[in-house]
Amino acid sequence: MDEPHRFIWCRYFYRVKFEEKIDWSKPYILCANHTSVLDITAMTFISQKAISFIGKAELLKNPVTRIFFKTIDIPVDRKSRMASFRSFKKANEMLKEGKSLAISGRKN
């Protein structure tokens, strides 16, 4: 993966350049700084193995965003400390199982 990768999706172009070679046999936490609504899509394309997503639980309550975010594997209820803790505990278990995680968001 030394060369930049280009992906075409919905008429958008991605250019991804890795600073160093990535060993996709290991688990990773992929983080986007939410510069675009397509951050999650970009993370899906760059990963060479299936990734699980962490996202705010509110996305599952809205009928429009539920369509796009129904694949969130770990919803985070930001209003409950205990529920948030359980979400991150589940994320830790998935990492120990060798699964990679993706998170995209911004501080509200």
PDB file of N, CA and C in Angstrom:
ATOM      1  N   MET A   1       0.816  -1.187   0.000  1.00  0.00           N
ATOM      2  CA  MET A   1       0.000   0.000   0.000  1.00  0.00           C
ATOM      3  C   MET A   1       0.861   1.252   0.000  1.00  0.00           C
ATOM      4  N   ASP A   2       1.965   1.214  -0.684  1.00  0.00           N
ATOM      5  CA  ASP A   2       2.838   2.364  -0.725  1.00  0.00           C
ATOM      6  C   ASP A   2       2.306   3.449  -1.655  1.00  0.00           C
ATOM      7  N   GLU A   3       1.515   3.065  -2.615  1.00  0.00           N
ATOM      8  CA  GLU A   3       0.971   4.011  -3.575  1.00  0.00           C
ATOM      9  C   GLU A   3      -0.340   4.594  -3.056  1.00  0.00           C
ATOM     10  N   PRO A   4      -0.630   5.842  -3.430  1.00  0.00           N
ATOM     11  CA  PRO A   4      -1.935   6.398  -3.064  1.00  0.00           C
ATOM     12  C   PRO A   4      -3.054   5.585  -3.707  1.00  0.00           C
ATOM     13  N   HIS A   5      -4.135   5.448  -3.010  1.00  0.00           N
ATOM     14  CA  HIS A   5      -5.279   4.715  -3.531  1.00  0.00           C
ATOM     15  C   HIS A   5      -6.374   5.702  -3.891  1.00  0.00           C
ATOM     16  N   ARG A   6      -7.014   5.459  -4.995  1.00  0.00           N
ATOM     17  CA  ARG A   6      -8.111   6.311  -5.432  1.00  0.00           C
ATOM     18  C   ARG A   6      -9.357   5.456  -5.534  1.00  0.00           C
ATOM     19  N   PHE A   7     -10.432   6.001  -5.030  1.00  0.00           N
ATOM     20  CA  PHE A   7     -11.700   5.312  -5.093  1.00  0.00           C
ATOM     21  C   PHE A   7     -12.738   6.271  -5.670  1.00  0.00           C
ATOM     22  N   ILE A   8     -13.603   5.751  -6.483  1.00  0.00           N
ATOM     23  CA  ILE A   8     -14.690   6.566  -7.019  1.00  0.00           C
ATOM     24  C   ILE A   8     -15.982   6.019  -6.430  1.00  0.00           C
ATOM     25  N   TRP A   9     -16.714   6.904  -5.806  1.00  0.00           N
ATOM     26  CA  TRP A   9     -17.980   6.491  -5.206  1.00  0.00           C
ATOM     27  C   TRP A   9     -18.914   7.680  -5.265  1.00  0.00           C
ATOM     28  N   CYS A  10     -20.032   7.518  -5.886  1.00  0.00           N
ATOM     29  CA  CYS A  10     -21.015   8.600  -5.997  1.00  0.00           C
ATOM     30  C   CYS A  10     -20.373   9.887  -6.533  1.00  0.00           C
ATOM     31  N   ARG A  11     -19.520   9.743  -7.512  1.00  0.00           N
ATOM     32  CA  ARG A  11     -18.876  10.859  -8.179  1.00  0.00           C
ATOM     33  C   ARG A  11     -17.902  11.629  -7.287  1.00  0.00           C
ATOM     34  N   TYR A  12     -17.480  11.033  -6.185  1.00  0.00           N
ATOM     35  CA  TYR A  12     -16.470  11.645  -5.336  1.00  0.00           C
ATOM     36  C   TYR A  12     -15.186  10.859  -5.474  1.00  0.00           C
ATOM     37  N   PHE A  13     -14.076  11.535  -5.386  1.00  0.00           N
ATOM     38  CA  PHE A  13     -12.782  10.884  -5.464  1.00  0.00           C
ATOM     39  C   PHE A  13     -12.120  10.923  -4.099  1.00  0.00           C
ATOM     40  N   TYR A  14     -11.514   9.809  -3.742  1.00  0.00           N
ATOM     41  CA  TYR A  14     -10.722   9.741  -2.521  1.00  0.00           C
ATOM     42  C   TYR A  14      -9.273   9.537  -2.917  1.00  0.00           C
ATOM     43  N   ARG A  15      -8.411  10.172  -2.220  1.00  0.00           N
ATOM     44  CA  ARG A  15      -6.988   9.879  -2.362  1.00  0.00           C
ATOM     45  C   ARG A  15      -6.496   9.579  -0.954  1.00  0.00           C
ATOM     46  N   VAL A  16      -6.023   8.373  -0.784  1.00  0.00           N
ATOM     47  CA  VAL A  16      -5.541   7.925   0.519  1.00  0.00           C
ATOM     48  C   VAL A  16      -4.073   7.595   0.382  1.00  0.00           C
ATOM     49  N   LYS A  17      -3.283   8.179   1.237  1.00  0.00           N
ATOM     50  CA  LYS A  17      -1.857   7.896   1.230  1.00  0.00           C
ATOM     51  C   LYS A  17      -1.461   7.498   2.642  1.00  0.00           C
ATOM     52  N   PHE A  18      -0.929   6.300   2.761  1.00  0.00           N
ATOM     53  CA  PHE A  18      -0.510   5.799   4.058  1.00  0.00           C
ATOM     54  C   PHE A  18       0.916   6.259   4.339  1.00  0.00           C
ATOM     55  N   GLU A  19       1.162   6.694   5.562  1.00  0.00           N
ATOM     56  CA  GLU A  19       2.502   7.124   5.935  1.00  0.00           C
ATOM     57  C   GLU A  19       3.446   5.940   6.066  1.00  0.00           C
ATOM     58  N   GLU A  20       2.906   4.794   6.380  1.00  0.00           N
ATOM     59  CA  GLU A  20       3.704   3.572   6.448  1.00  0.00           C
ATOM     60  C   GLU A  20       2.802   2.397   6.100  1.00  0.00           C
ATOM     61  N   LYS A  21       3.419   1.291   5.772  1.00  0.00           N
ATOM     62  CA  LYS A  21       2.666   0.097   5.399  1.00  0.00           C
ATOM     63  C   LYS A  21       1.846  -0.397   6.585  1.00  0.00           C
ATOM     64  N   ILE A  22       0.615  -0.781   6.318  1.00  0.00           N
ATOM     65  CA  ILE A  22      -0.289  -1.245   7.369  1.00  0.00           C
ATOM     66  C   ILE A  22      -0.421  -2.758   7.303  1.00  0.00           C
ATOM     67  N   ASP A  23      -0.237  -3.399   8.430  1.00  0.00           N
ATOM     68  CA  ASP A  23      -0.410  -4.845   8.546  1.00  0.00           C
ATOM     69  C   ASP A  23      -1.867  -5.111   8.916  1.00  0.00           C
ATOM     70  N   TRP A  24      -2.692  -5.392   7.919  1.00  0.00           N
ATOM     71  CA  TRP A  24      -4.131  -5.538   8.142  1.00  0.00           C
ATOM     72  C   TRP A  24      -4.496  -6.818   8.886  1.00  0.00           C
ATOM     73  N   SER A  25      -3.519  -7.639   9.215  1.00  0.00           N
ATOM     74  CA  SER A  25      -3.829  -8.833  10.019  1.00  0.00           C
ATOM     75  C   SER A  25      -4.003  -8.452  11.493  1.00  0.00           C
ATOM     76  N   LYS A  26      -3.614  -7.237  11.860  1.00  0.00           N
ATOM     77  CA  LYS A  26      -3.754  -6.752  13.229  1.00  0.00           C
ATOM     78  C   LYS A  26      -5.018  -5.899  13.351  1.00  0.00           C
ATOM     79  N   PRO A  27      -5.558  -5.805  14.571  1.00  0.00           N
ATOM     80  CA  PRO A  27      -6.717  -4.921  14.748  1.00  0.00           C
ATOM     81  C   PRO A  27      -6.277  -3.462  14.873  1.00  0.00           C
ATOM     82  N   TYR A  28      -7.125  -2.569  14.359  1.00  0.00           N
ATOM     83  CA  TYR A  28      -6.849  -1.134  14.417  1.00  0.00           C
ATOM     84  C   TYR A  28      -8.092  -0.389  14.854  1.00  0.00           C
ATOM     85  N   ILE A  29      -7.882   0.818  15.340  1.00  0.00           N
ATOM     86  CA  ILE A  29      -8.976   1.759  15.556  1.00  0.00           C
ATOM     87  C   ILE A  29      -8.785   2.852  14.515  1.00  0.00           C
ATOM     88  N   LEU A  30      -9.719   2.917  13.573  1.00  0.00           N
ATOM     89  CA  LEU A  30      -9.660   3.924  12.519  1.00  0.00           C
ATOM     90  C   LEU A  30     -10.489   5.118  12.973  1.00  0.00           C
ATOM     91  N   CYS A  31      -9.885   6.286  12.964  1.00  0.00           N
ATOM     92  CA  CYS A  31     -10.568   7.502  13.428  1.00  0.00           C
ATOM     93  C   CYS A  31     -10.561   8.545  12.324  1.00  0.00           C
ATOM     94  N   ALA A  32     -11.700   9.153  12.120  1.00  0.00           N
ATOM     95  CA  ALA A  32     -11.799  10.262  11.170  1.00  0.00           C
ATOM     96  C   ALA A  32     -12.135  11.525  11.951  1.00  0.00           C
ATOM     97  N   ASN A  33     -11.683  12.648  11.449  1.00  0.00           N
ATOM     98  CA  ASN A  33     -11.946  13.898  12.150  1.00  0.00           C
ATOM     99  C   ASN A  33     -13.237  14.564  11.693  1.00  0.00           C
ATOM    100  N   HIS A  34     -14.024  13.856  10.944  1.00  0.00           N
ATOM    101  CA  HIS A  34     -15.357  14.289  10.516  1.00  0.00           C
ATOM    102  C   HIS A  34     -15.313  15.570   9.691  1.00  0.00           C
ATOM    103  N   THR A  35     -14.422  15.586   8.714  1.00  0.00           N
ATOM    104  CA  THR A  35     -14.363  16.736   7.815  1.00  0.00           C
ATOM    105  C   THR A  35     -15.409  16.636   6.717  1.00  0.00           C
ATOM    106  N   SER A  36     -16.011  15.459   6.591  1.00  0.00           N
ATOM    107  CA  SER A  36     -17.000  15.234   5.548  1.00  0.00           C
ATOM    108  C   SER A  36     -17.988  14.170   6.015  1.00  0.00           C
ATOM    109  N   VAL A  37     -19.177  14.199   5.435  1.00  0.00           N
ATOM    110  CA  VAL A  37     -20.148  13.155   5.752  1.00  0.00           C
ATOM    111  C   VAL A  37     -19.732  11.819   5.146  1.00  0.00           C
ATOM    112  N   LEU A  38     -18.707  11.841   4.325  1.00  0.00           N
ATOM    113  CA  LEU A  38     -18.244  10.618   3.675  1.00  0.00           C
ATOM    114  C   LEU A  38     -17.059   9.978   4.390  1.00  0.00           C
ATOM    115  N   ASP A  39     -16.719  10.472   5.579  1.00  0.00           N
ATOM    116  CA  ASP A  39     -15.592   9.905   6.323  1.00  0.00           C
ATOM    117  C   ASP A  39     -15.759   8.410   6.565  1.00  0.00           C
ATOM    118  N   ILE A  40     -16.948   8.018   6.978  1.00  0.00           N
ATOM    119  CA  ILE A  40     -17.195   6.604   7.283  1.00  0.00           C
ATOM    120  C   ILE A  40     -17.044   5.761   6.019  1.00  0.00           C
ATOM    121  N   THR A  41     -17.541   6.266   4.911  1.00  0.00           N
ATOM    122  CA  THR A  41     -17.407   5.547   3.645  1.00  0.00           C
ATOM    123  C   THR A  41     -15.934   5.386   3.284  1.00  0.00           C
ATOM    124  N   ALA A  42     -15.160   6.434   3.472  1.00  0.00           N
ATOM    125  CA  ALA A  42     -13.731   6.363   3.160  1.00  0.00           C
ATOM    126  C   ALA A  42     -13.038   5.312   4.018  1.00  0.00           C
ATOM    127  N   MET A  43     -13.383   5.262   5.313  1.00  0.00           N
ATOM    128  CA  MET A  43     -12.759   4.267   6.187  1.00  0.00           C
ATOM    129  C   MET A  43     -13.122   2.852   5.747  1.00  0.00           C
ATOM    130  N   THR A  44     -14.332   2.674   5.275  1.00  0.00           N
ATOM    131  CA  THR A  44     -14.751   1.360   4.792  1.00  0.00           C
ATOM    132  C   THR A  44     -13.920   0.945   3.589  1.00  0.00           C
ATOM    133  N   PHE A  45     -13.657   1.877   2.706  1.00  0.00           N
ATOM    134  CA  PHE A  45     -12.892   1.561   1.509  1.00  0.00           C
ATOM    135  C   PHE A  45     -11.423   1.281   1.793  1.00  0.00           C
ATOM    136  N   ILE A  46     -10.814   1.977   2.751  1.00  0.00           N
ATOM    137  CA  ILE A  46      -9.378   1.790   2.963  1.00  0.00           C
ATOM    138  C   ILE A  46      -9.055   0.518   3.727  1.00  0.00           C
ATOM    139  N   SER A  47      -9.995   0.034   4.520  1.00  0.00           N
ATOM    140  CA  SER A  47      -9.741  -1.162   5.315  1.00  0.00           C
ATOM    141  C   SER A  47      -9.810  -2.396   4.430  1.00  0.00           C
ATOM    142  N   GLN A  48      -8.834  -3.260   4.574  1.00  0.00           N
ATOM    143  CA  GLN A  48      -8.818  -4.479   3.783  1.00  0.00           C
ATOM    144  C   GLN A  48      -9.525  -5.637   4.488  1.00  0.00           C
ATOM    145  N   LYS A  49     -10.097  -5.365   5.635  1.00  0.00           N
ATOM    146  CA  LYS A  49     -10.900  -6.376   6.315  1.00  0.00           C
ATOM    147  C   LYS A  49     -12.123  -5.690   6.900  1.00  0.00           C
ATOM    148  N   ALA A  50     -13.084  -6.485   7.301  1.00  0.00           N
ATOM    149  CA  ALA A  50     -14.325  -5.932   7.852  1.00  0.00           C
ATOM    150  C   ALA A  50     -14.025  -5.124   9.109  1.00  0.00           C
ATOM    151  N   ILE A  51     -14.723  -4.015   9.256  1.00  0.00           N
ATOM    152  CA  ILE A  51     -14.562  -3.192  10.441  1.00  0.00           C
ATOM    153  C   ILE A  51     -15.915  -3.003  11.107  1.00  0.00           C
ATOM    154  N   SER A  52     -15.885  -2.844  12.406  1.00  0.00           N
ATOM    155  CA  SER A  52     -17.095  -2.560  13.174  1.00  0.00           C
ATOM    156  C   SER A  52     -17.120  -1.078  13.477  1.00  0.00           C
ATOM    157  N   PHE A  53     -18.310  -0.517  13.522  1.00  0.00           N
ATOM    158  CA  PHE A  53     -18.445   0.912  13.732  1.00  0.00           C
ATOM    159  C   PHE A  53     -18.951   1.232  15.129  1.00  0.00           C
ATOM    160  N   ILE A  54     -18.469   2.341  15.659  1.00  0.00           N
ATOM    161  CA  ILE A  54     -18.944   2.884  16.917  1.00  0.00           C
ATOM    162  C   ILE A  54     -19.612   4.210  16.560  1.00  0.00           C
ATOM    163  N   GLY A  55     -20.832   4.403  17.023  1.00  0.00           N
ATOM    164  CA  GLY A  55     -21.537   5.645  16.708  1.00  0.00           C
ATOM    165  C   GLY A  55     -22.546   5.990  17.774  1.00  0.00           C
ATOM    166  N   LYS A  56     -22.962   7.236  17.779  1.00  0.00           N
ATOM    167  CA  LYS A  56     -23.918   7.667  18.788  1.00  0.00           C
ATOM    168  C   LYS A  56     -25.272   6.998  18.565  1.00  0.00           C
ATOM    169  N   ALA A  57     -25.884   6.586  19.647  1.00  0.00           N
ATOM    170  CA  ALA A  57     -27.142   5.841  19.587  1.00  0.00           C
ATOM    171  C   ALA A  57     -28.266   6.659  18.963  1.00  0.00           C
ATOM    172  N   GLU A  58     -28.186   7.983  19.046  1.00  0.00           N
ATOM    173  CA  GLU A  58     -29.240   8.835  18.480  1.00  0.00           C
ATOM    174  C   GLU A  58     -29.422   8.621  16.981  1.00  0.00           C
ATOM    175  N   LEU A  59     -28.371   8.187  16.310  1.00  0.00           N
ATOM    176  CA  LEU A  59     -28.465   7.946  14.871  1.00  0.00           C
ATOM    177  C   LEU A  59     -29.447   6.829  14.538  1.00  0.00           C
ATOM    178  N   LEU A  60     -29.661   5.937  15.479  1.00  0.00           N
ATOM    179  CA  LEU A  60     -30.575   4.826  15.239  1.00  0.00           C
ATOM    180  C   LEU A  60     -32.031   5.203  15.506  1.00  0.00           C
ATOM    181  N   LYS A  61     -32.273   6.329  16.147  1.00  0.00           N
ATOM    182  CA  LYS A  61     -33.634   6.754  16.481  1.00  0.00           C
ATOM    183  C   LYS A  61     -34.296   7.533  15.357  1.00  0.00           C
ATOM    184  N   ASN A  62     -33.516   8.191  14.542  1.00  0.00           N
ATOM    185  CA  ASN A  62     -34.037   8.973  13.424  1.00  0.00           C
ATOM    186  C   ASN A  62     -34.259   8.053  12.232  1.00  0.00           C
ATOM    187  N   PRO A  63     -35.471   8.038  11.641  1.00  0.00           N
ATOM    188  CA  PRO A  63     -35.741   7.107  10.534  1.00  0.00           C
ATOM    189  C   PRO A  63     -34.848   7.324   9.307  1.00  0.00           C
ATOM    190  N   VAL A  64     -34.422   8.548   9.065  1.00  0.00           N
ATOM    191  CA  VAL A  64     -33.573   8.818   7.903  1.00  0.00           C
ATOM    192  C   VAL A  64     -32.150   8.327   8.153  1.00  0.00           C
ATOM    193  N   THR A  65     -31.564   8.719   9.285  1.00  0.00           N
ATOM    194  CA  THR A  65     -30.183   8.299   9.555  1.00  0.00           C
ATOM    195  C   THR A  65     -30.106   6.819   9.901  1.00  0.00           C
ATOM    196  N   ARG A  66     -31.192   6.243  10.392  1.00  0.00           N
ATOM    197  CA  ARG A  66     -31.199   4.805  10.697  1.00  0.00           C
ATOM    198  C   ARG A  66     -30.907   3.983   9.443  1.00  0.00           C
ATOM    199  N   ILE A  67     -31.405   4.436   8.304  1.00  0.00           N
ATOM    200  CA  ILE A  67     -31.170   3.724   7.038  1.00  0.00           C
ATOM    201  C   ILE A  67     -29.670   3.601   6.774  1.00  0.00           C
ATOM    202  N   PHE A  68     -28.938   4.680   7.012  1.00  0.00           N
ATOM    203  CA  PHE A  68     -27.512   4.704   6.710  1.00  0.00           C
ATOM    204  C   PHE A  68     -26.659   4.132   7.833  1.00  0.00           C
ATOM    205  N   PHE A  69     -27.117   4.273   9.067  1.00  0.00           N
ATOM    206  CA  PHE A  69     -26.298   3.887  10.201  1.00  0.00           C
ATOM    207  C   PHE A  69     -26.803   2.640  10.926  1.00  0.00           C
ATOM    208  N   LYS A  70     -27.674   1.884  10.283  1.00  0.00           N
ATOM    209  CA  LYS A  70     -28.203   0.689  10.950  1.00  0.00           C
ATOM    210  C   LYS A  70     -27.142  -0.391  11.121  1.00  0.00           C
ATOM    211  N   THR A  71     -26.010  -0.219  10.461  1.00  0.00           N
ATOM    212  CA  THR A  71     -24.932  -1.197  10.603  1.00  0.00           C
ATOM    213  C   THR A  71     -23.998  -0.870  11.762  1.00  0.00           C
ATOM    214  N   ILE A  72     -24.326   0.159  12.536  1.00  0.00           N
ATOM    215  CA  ILE A  72     -23.480   0.484  13.688  1.00  0.00           C
ATOM    216  C   ILE A  72     -23.470  -0.713  14.624  1.00  0.00           C
ATOM    217  N   ASP A  73     -22.289  -1.227  14.836  1.00  0.00           N
ATOM    218  CA  ASP A  73     -22.163  -2.415  15.668  1.00  0.00           C
ATOM    219  C   ASP A  73     -22.151  -2.074  17.154  1.00  0.00           C
ATOM    220  N   ILE A  74     -21.721  -0.870  17.493  1.00  0.00           N
ATOM    221  CA  ILE A  74     -21.645  -0.474  18.891  1.00  0.00           C
ATOM    222  C   ILE A  74     -22.268   0.918  19.037  1.00  0.00           C
ATOM    223  N   PRO A  75     -23.555   0.979  19.337  1.00  0.00           N
ATOM    224  CA  PRO A  75     -24.157   2.292  19.584  1.00  0.00           C
ATOM    225  C   PRO A  75     -23.723   2.811  20.957  1.00  0.00           C
ATOM    226  N   VAL A  76     -23.451   4.103  21.038  1.00  0.00           N
ATOM    227  CA  VAL A  76     -23.026   4.721  22.292  1.00  0.00           C
ATOM    228  C   VAL A  76     -24.111   5.682  22.758  1.00  0.00           C
ATOM    229  N   ASP A  77     -24.679   5.392  23.924  1.00  0.00           N
ATOM    230  CA  ASP A  77     -25.671   6.272  24.535  1.00  0.00           C
ATOM    231  C   ASP A  77     -24.910   7.306  25.359  1.00  0.00           C
ATOM    232  N   ARG A  78     -24.760   8.502  24.804  1.00  0.00           N
ATOM    233  CA  ARG A  78     -23.937   9.519  25.440  1.00  0.00           C
ATOM    234  C   ARG A  78     -24.595  10.138  26.671  1.00  0.00           C
ATOM    235  N   LYS A  79     -25.870   9.859  26.878  1.00  0.00           N
ATOM    236  CA  LYS A  79     -26.570  10.419  28.039  1.00  0.00           C
ATOM    237  C   LYS A  79     -26.391   9.559  29.287  1.00  0.00           C
ATOM    238  N   SER A  80     -25.939   8.349  29.126  1.00  0.00           N
ATOM    239  CA  SER A  80     -25.780   7.426  30.243  1.00  0.00           C
ATOM    240  C   SER A  80     -24.316   7.008  30.370  1.00  0.00           C
ATOM    241  N   ARG A  81     -23.733   7.306  31.498  1.00  0.00           N
ATOM    242  CA  ARG A  81     -22.329   6.919  31.714  1.00  0.00           C
ATOM    243  C   ARG A  81     -22.167   5.403  31.713  1.00  0.00           C
ATOM    244  N   MET A  82     -23.099   4.711  32.317  1.00  0.00           N
ATOM    245  CA  MET A  82     -23.001   3.245  32.376  1.00  0.00           C
ATOM    246  C   MET A  82     -23.147   2.633  30.986  1.00  0.00           C
ATOM    247  N   ALA A  83     -24.104   3.127  30.206  1.00  0.00           N
ATOM    248  CA  ALA A  83     -24.288   2.608  28.851  1.00  0.00           C
ATOM    249  C   ALA A  83     -23.061   2.914  27.986  1.00  0.00           C
ATOM    250  N   SER A  84     -22.495   4.106  28.146  1.00  0.00           N
ATOM    251  CA  SER A  84     -21.274   4.466  27.404  1.00  0.00           C
ATOM    252  C   SER A  84     -20.128   3.555  27.798  1.00  0.00           C
ATOM    253  N   PHE A  85     -20.007   3.295  29.087  1.00  0.00           N
ATOM    254  CA  PHE A  85     -18.956   2.395  29.572  1.00  0.00           C
ATOM    255  C   PHE A  85     -19.114   1.001  28.967  1.00  0.00           C
ATOM    256  N   ARG A  86     -20.363   0.496  28.932  1.00  0.00           N
ATOM    257  CA  ARG A  86     -20.609  -0.831  28.344  1.00  0.00           C
ATOM    258  C   ARG A  86     -20.251  -0.843  26.854  1.00  0.00           C
ATOM    259  N   SER A  87     -20.508   0.249  26.161  1.00  0.00           N
ATOM    260  CA  SER A  87     -20.160   0.326  24.737  1.00  0.00           C
ATOM    261  C   SER A  87     -18.661   0.229  24.533  1.00  0.00           C
ATOM    262  N   PHE A  88     -17.908   0.947  25.356  1.00  0.00           N
ATOM    263  CA  PHE A  88     -16.451   0.902  25.214  1.00  0.00           C
ATOM    264  C   PHE A  88     -15.877  -0.418  25.707  1.00  0.00           C
ATOM    265  N   LYS A  89     -16.548  -1.036  26.641  1.00  0.00           N
ATOM    266  CA  LYS A  89     -16.130  -2.377  27.076  1.00  0.00           C
ATOM    267  C   LYS A  89     -16.328  -3.374  25.920  1.00  0.00           C
ATOM    268  N   LYS A  90     -17.457  -3.244  25.216  1.00  0.00           N
ATOM    269  CA  LYS A  90     -17.710  -4.110  24.059  1.00  0.00           C
ATOM    270  C   LYS A  90     -16.666  -3.846  22.961  1.00  0.00           C
ATOM    271  N   ALA A  91     -16.313  -2.589  22.765  1.00  0.00           N
ATOM    272  CA  ALA A  91     -15.288  -2.252  21.769  1.00  0.00           C
ATOM    273  C   ALA A  91     -13.960  -2.900  22.133  1.00  0.00           C
ATOM    274  N   ASN A  92     -13.602  -2.861  23.403  1.00  0.00           N
ATOM    275  CA  ASN A  92     -12.363  -3.489  23.867  1.00  0.00           C
ATOM    276  C   ASN A  92     -12.386  -4.993  23.615  1.00  0.00           C
ATOM    277  N   GLU A  93     -13.519  -5.636  23.855  1.00  0.00           N
ATOM    278  CA  GLU A  93     -13.644  -7.073  23.597  1.00  0.00           C
ATOM    279  C   GLU A  93     -13.460  -7.374  22.118  1.00  0.00           C
ATOM    280  N   MET A  94     -14.041  -6.532  21.252  1.00  0.00           N
ATOM    281  CA  MET A  94     -13.909  -6.755  19.808  1.00  0.00           C
ATOM    282  C   MET A  94     -12.448  -6.611  19.364  1.00  0.00           C
ATOM    283  N   LEU A  95     -11.743  -5.638  19.938  1.00  0.00           N
ATOM    284  CA  LEU A  95     -10.319  -5.480  19.616  1.00  0.00           C
ATOM    285  C   LEU A  95      -9.527  -6.702  20.051  1.00  0.00           C
ATOM    286  N   LYS A  96      -9.846  -7.237  21.234  1.00  0.00           N
ATOM    287  CA  LYS A  96      -9.151  -8.431  21.718  1.00  0.00           C
ATOM    288  C   LYS A  96      -9.429  -9.634  20.828  1.00  0.00           C
ATOM    289  N   GLU A  97     -10.608  -9.640  20.158  1.00  0.00           N
ATOM    290  CA  GLU A  97     -10.946 -10.714  19.218  1.00  0.00           C
ATOM    291  C   GLU A  97     -10.265 -10.516  17.867  1.00  0.00           C
ATOM    292  N   GLY A  98      -9.538  -9.415  17.717  1.00  0.00           N
ATOM    293  CA  GLY A  98      -8.828  -9.160  16.469  1.00  0.00           C
ATOM    294  C   GLY A  98      -9.607  -8.355  15.454  1.00  0.00           C
ATOM    295  N   LYS A  99     -10.737  -7.782  15.857  1.00  0.00           N
ATOM    296  CA  LYS A  99     -11.554  -6.981  14.940  1.00  0.00           C
ATOM    297  C   LYS A  99     -11.121  -5.525  14.998  1.00  0.00           C
ATOM    298  N   SER A 100     -11.176  -4.846  13.865  1.00  0.00           N
ATOM    299  CA  SER A 100     -10.863  -3.425  13.809  1.00  0.00           C
ATOM    300  C   SER A 100     -12.130  -2.615  14.023  1.00  0.00           C
ATOM    301  N   LEU A 101     -11.952  -1.401  14.525  1.00  0.00           N
ATOM    302  CA  LEU A 101     -13.067  -0.522  14.821  1.00  0.00           C
ATOM    303  C   LEU A 101     -12.897   0.792  14.088  1.00  0.00           C
ATOM    304  N   ALA A 102     -14.009   1.425  13.741  1.00  0.00           N
ATOM    305  CA  ALA A 102     -13.981   2.740  13.120  1.00  0.00           C
ATOM    306  C   ALA A 102     -14.883   3.667  13.918  1.00  0.00           C
ATOM    307  N   ILE A 103     -14.407   4.888  14.105  1.00  0.00           N
ATOM    308  CA  ILE A 103     -15.190   5.896  14.806  1.00  0.00           C
ATOM    309  C   ILE A 103     -15.034   7.208  14.064  1.00  0.00           C
ATOM    310  N   SER A 104     -16.126   7.900  13.896  1.00  0.00           N
ATOM    311  CA  SER A 104     -16.108   9.200  13.260  1.00  0.00           C
ATOM    312  C   SER A 104     -17.053  10.093  14.029  1.00  0.00           C
ATOM    313  N   GLY A 105     -16.619  11.259  14.333  1.00  0.00           N
ATOM    314  CA  GLY A 105     -17.503  12.143  15.064  1.00  0.00           C
ATOM    315  C   GLY A 105     -16.854  13.452  15.372  1.00  0.00           C
ATOM    316  N   ARG A 106     -17.627  14.263  16.022  1.00  0.00           N
ATOM    317  CA  ARG A 106     -17.120  15.560  16.432  1.00  0.00           C
ATOM    318  C   ARG A 106     -17.653  15.837  17.823  1.00  0.00           C
ATOM    319  N   LYS A 107     -16.963  16.666  18.523  1.00  0.00           N
ATOM    320  CA  LYS A 107     -17.380  16.998  19.878  1.00  0.00           C
ATOM    321  C   LYS A 107     -18.533  17.990  19.800  1.00  0.00           C
ATOM    322  N   ASN A 108     -19.623  17.694  20.455  1.00  0.00           N
ATOM    323  CA  ASN A 108     -20.780  18.605  20.465  1.00  0.00           C
ATOM    324  C   ASN A 108     -20.728  19.521  21.649  1.00  0.00           C
TER     325      ASN A 108
END
